[in-house]
């Protein structure tokens, strides 16, 4: 090797060592251009996904499903954080028919809960809907809990309140500080 090239080779070796050390000690994830709005799973190894369909299968054949535009699976924390979310509750069972839509969600796979930090819209077969603030879906207890403000509407009734508990299997809704509005129904057909 030429003696004049020795300083350049030493400098190149130093750059390679520093680059390798930097790559091993940072938590930077390369993302392709054009991908926006990625979620974070809260540390540790992550698997970043595009459109996703996550299903929780039960022994009785029923399942809960989360569809999302983007998602991150936190391998160590066993969570799925997602954006552009639709949750289908109890599909394949007699109590199927509840759909929850939210801008963001975090599914704790071990705790069996789905957090909806930016609120959500709920639709239940039979004409029931809800506009809810930040909420938590307890998949084990089959209940949607909203500690803040909530508005639900059903055939002929609209209710505003706080501290909502919507038990979708039993079809039971409880709420505090309620204000209700009943829609006038059709007359009974009697005259006079």
Protein backbone atom coordinates (compact mmCIF):
# COMPACT_ATOMS: atom_id res chain seq x y z
CA UNK A 1 0.00 0.00 0.00
CA UNK A 2 1.23 3.45 -0.84
CA UNK A 3 2.20 5.51 2.25
CA UNK A 4 0.29 8.50 0.94
CA UNK A 5 -3.00 6.49 1.00
CA UNK A 6 -2.58 5.32 4.62
CA UNK A 7 -4.15 8.48 6.20
CA UNK A 8 -7.13 8.20 3.82
CA UNK A 9 -7.61 4.52 4.63
CA UNK A 10 -7.48 5.29 8.37
CA UNK A 11 -10.07 8.04 7.90
CA UNK A 12 -12.36 5.70 5.91
CA UNK A 13 -12.05 3.04 8.62
CA UNK A 14 -12.96 5.63 11.29
CA UNK A 15 -16.07 6.69 9.31
CA UNK A 16 -17.18 3.04 8.93
CA UNK A 17 -16.71 2.36 12.67
CA UNK A 18 -18.64 5.52 13.65
CA UNK A 19 -21.47 4.71 11.22
CA UNK A 20 -21.75 1.13 12.52
CA UNK A 21 -21.72 2.35 16.14
CA UNK A 22 -24.36 4.97 15.39
CA UNK A 23 -26.61 2.44 13.63
CA UNK A 24 -26.42 0.02 16.55
CA UNK A 25 -27.21 2.54 19.30
CA UNK A 26 -30.14 4.54 17.86
CA UNK A 27 -33.83 3.72 17.63
CA UNK A 28 -34.35 5.22 14.19
CA UNK A 29 -36.71 3.44 11.83
CA UNK A 30 -36.39 4.08 8.12
CA UNK A 31 -39.72 4.95 6.51
CA UNK A 32 -40.29 5.11 2.80
CA UNK A 33 -41.18 8.49 1.31
CA UNK A 34 -44.87 9.27 1.12
CA UNK A 35 -45.87 7.32 4.26
CA UNK A 36 -47.55 9.71 6.69
CA UNK A 37 -49.41 9.50 9.97
CA UNK A 38 -47.60 6.46 11.33
CA UNK A 39 -48.51 5.31 14.81
CA UNK A 40 -46.14 4.39 17.59
CA UNK A 41 -46.46 1.37 19.84
CA UNK A 42 -44.58 2.86 22.78
CA UNK A 43 -41.04 1.54 22.55
CA UNK A 44 -39.31 -1.74 21.88
CA UNK A 45 -39.34 -3.68 18.64
CA UNK A 46 -42.16 -2.70 16.28
CA UNK A 47 -43.66 -4.03 13.11
CA UNK A 48 -45.09 -1.24 10.95
CA UNK A 49 -48.04 -2.19 8.81
CA UNK A 50 -50.14 -0.61 6.08
CA UNK A 51 -53.79 -1.55 5.97
CA UNK A 52 -54.41 -4.15 8.67
CA UNK A 53 -57.14 -6.57 9.79
CA UNK A 54 -56.60 -7.92 13.34
CA UNK A 55 -58.99 -10.56 14.72
CA UNK A 56 -59.44 -11.90 18.23
CA UNK A 57 -60.92 -15.39 17.87
CA UNK A 58 -63.01 -17.05 20.60
CA UNK A 59 -63.70 -20.73 21.28
CA UNK A 60 -67.42 -20.27 20.55
CA UNK A 61 -66.62 -19.11 17.00
CA UNK A 62 -67.23 -15.41 17.63
CA UNK A 63 -64.55 -12.78 17.11
CA UNK A 64 -63.73 -9.10 17.46
CA UNK A 65 -62.06 -7.40 14.53
CA UNK A 66 -60.05 -4.20 14.14
CA UNK A 67 -59.48 -2.79 10.64
CA UNK A 68 -57.10 0.16 10.22
CA UNK A 69 -55.48 2.26 7.52
CA UNK A 70 -52.08 2.17 9.28
CA UNK A 71 -50.87 0.26 12.32
CA UNK A 72 -47.85 -0.56 14.44
CA UNK A 73 -47.55 -3.85 16.31
CA UNK A 74 -45.40 -3.46 19.44
CA UNK A 75 -43.79 -6.87 19.77
CA UNK A 76 -42.60 -6.49 23.38
CA UNK A 77 -45.66 -4.58 24.65
CA UNK A 78 -48.16 -6.76 22.70
CA UNK A 79 -50.12 -3.73 21.51
CA UNK A 80 -51.48 -2.63 18.18
CA UNK A 81 -51.65 1.16 17.71
CA UNK A 82 -53.64 2.19 14.67
CA UNK A 83 -55.09 5.10 12.71
CA UNK A 84 -58.28 5.21 10.64
CA UNK A 85 -59.89 2.48 12.75
CA UNK A 86 -63.08 0.43 12.46
CA UNK A 87 -63.83 -2.14 15.19
CA UNK A 88 -66.46 -4.84 14.68
CA UNK A 89 -67.59 -6.33 18.00
CA UNK A 90 -68.80 -9.87 18.58
CA UNK A 91 -68.98 -10.92 14.96
CA UNK A 92 -70.13 -14.49 14.49
CA UNK A 93 -72.22 -14.46 17.69
CA UNK A 94 -75.82 -13.62 18.60
CA UNK A 95 -74.80 -10.13 19.84
CA UNK A 96 -73.00 -9.14 16.65
CA UNK A 97 -73.84 -5.86 15.05
CA UNK A 98 -71.86 -3.19 16.94
CA UNK A 99 -69.40 -1.12 14.89
CA UNK A 100 -67.02 1.48 16.33
CA UNK A 101 -65.18 4.01 14.13
CA UNK A 102 -62.33 6.16 15.48
CA UNK A 103 -59.42 8.24 14.21
CA UNK A 104 -56.98 6.41 16.54
CA UNK A 105 -56.97 3.26 18.67
CA UNK A 106 -54.58 1.22 20.81
CA UNK A 107 -55.39 -2.49 21.30
CA UNK A 108 -53.77 -4.06 24.38
CA UNK A 109 -53.72 -7.72 23.33
CA UNK A 110 -52.93 -8.99 26.85
CA UNK A 111 -55.32 -6.70 28.73
CA UNK A 112 -58.05 -7.30 26.15
CA UNK A 113 -58.90 -3.59 25.86
CA UNK A 114 -59.01 -1.11 23.00
CA UNK A 115 -58.36 2.53 23.93
CA UNK A 116 -59.95 5.21 21.75
CA UNK A 117 -58.16 8.40 22.90
CA UNK A 118 -59.75 10.77 20.36
CA UNK A 119 -63.31 9.52 20.81
CA UNK A 120 -65.42 7.49 18.41
CA UNK A 121 -68.72 6.93 16.63
CA UNK A 122 -70.69 3.81 17.52
CA UNK A 123 -73.45 2.16 15.50
CA UNK A 124 -75.53 -0.75 16.77
CA UNK A 125 -78.05 -2.69 14.76
CA UNK A 126 -81.58 -1.61 15.56
CA UNK A 127 -80.83 2.05 14.82
CA UNK A 128 -78.70 2.98 17.86
CA UNK A 129 -75.75 5.35 17.33
CA UNK A 130 -73.39 7.28 19.57
CA UNK A 131 -70.95 10.21 19.44
CA UNK A 132 -68.48 9.57 22.23
CA UNK A 133 -65.46 11.31 23.73
CA UNK A 134 -62.34 9.31 24.69
CA UNK A 135 -63.44 5.74 25.39
CA UNK A 136 -62.23 2.24 26.30
CA UNK A 137 -63.59 -1.02 24.91
CA UNK A 138 -63.33 -3.80 27.49
CA UNK A 139 -63.41 -6.91 25.29
CA UNK A 140 -63.60 -9.35 28.23
CA UNK A 141 -66.52 -7.58 29.92
CA UNK A 142 -68.14 -6.64 26.57
CA UNK A 143 -68.58 -3.01 27.65
CA UNK A 144 -67.73 0.35 26.09
CA UNK A 145 -66.83 2.90 28.81
CA UNK A 146 -66.78 6.67 28.28
CA UNK A 147 -65.86 8.71 31.40
CA UNK A 148 -66.45 12.01 29.58
CA UNK A 149 -69.32 13.40 27.51
CA UNK A 150 -71.39 11.10 25.34
CA UNK A 151 -74.45 11.35 23.12
CA UNK A 152 -76.48 8.34 22.03
CA UNK A 153 -79.51 8.18 19.80
CA UNK A 154 -81.98 5.43 19.14
CA UNK A 155 -85.40 5.07 17.62
CA UNK A 156 -87.32 8.06 19.00
CA UNK A 157 -84.84 9.14 21.68
CA UNK A 158 -81.65 11.20 22.03
CA UNK A 159 -79.67 11.24 25.30
CA UNK A 160 -76.71 13.41 26.36
CA UNK A 161 -74.69 12.66 29.47
CA UNK A 162 -71.43 11.56 31.05
CA UNK A 163 -69.85 8.35 32.31
CA UNK A 164 -71.42 6.03 29.76
CA UNK A 165 -71.26 2.24 30.09
CA UNK A 166 -72.63 0.49 26.98
CA UNK A 167 -72.84 -3.29 27.49
CA UNK A 168 -73.29 -4.52 23.95
CA UNK A 169 -73.99 -8.19 24.76
CA UNK A 170 -76.81 -7.41 27.20
CA UNK A 171 -78.03 -4.38 25.24
CA UNK A 172 -77.82 -2.25 28.41
CA UNK A 173 -76.78 1.43 28.52
CA UNK A 174 -76.14 3.44 31.71
CA UNK A 175 -75.16 7.10 31.89
CA UNK A 176 -74.96 9.91 34.49
CA UNK A 177 -76.13 13.54 34.26
CA UNK A 178 -78.47 12.80 31.41
CA UNK A 179 -80.58 15.12 29.33
CA UNK A 180 -83.08 13.37 27.09
CA UNK A 181 -85.15 14.35 24.11
CA UNK A 182 -88.01 12.19 22.91
CA UNK A 183 -89.11 12.48 19.31
CA UNK A 184 -92.85 12.70 18.82
CA UNK A 185 -94.28 9.43 17.56
CA UNK A 186 -97.08 8.89 15.13
CA UNK A 187 -100.55 9.31 16.59
CA UNK A 188 -102.51 6.28 17.69
CA UNK A 189 -105.08 6.88 14.98
CA UNK A 190 -107.79 7.86 17.46
CA UNK A 191 -109.73 11.03 16.86
CA UNK A 192 -111.67 13.17 19.25
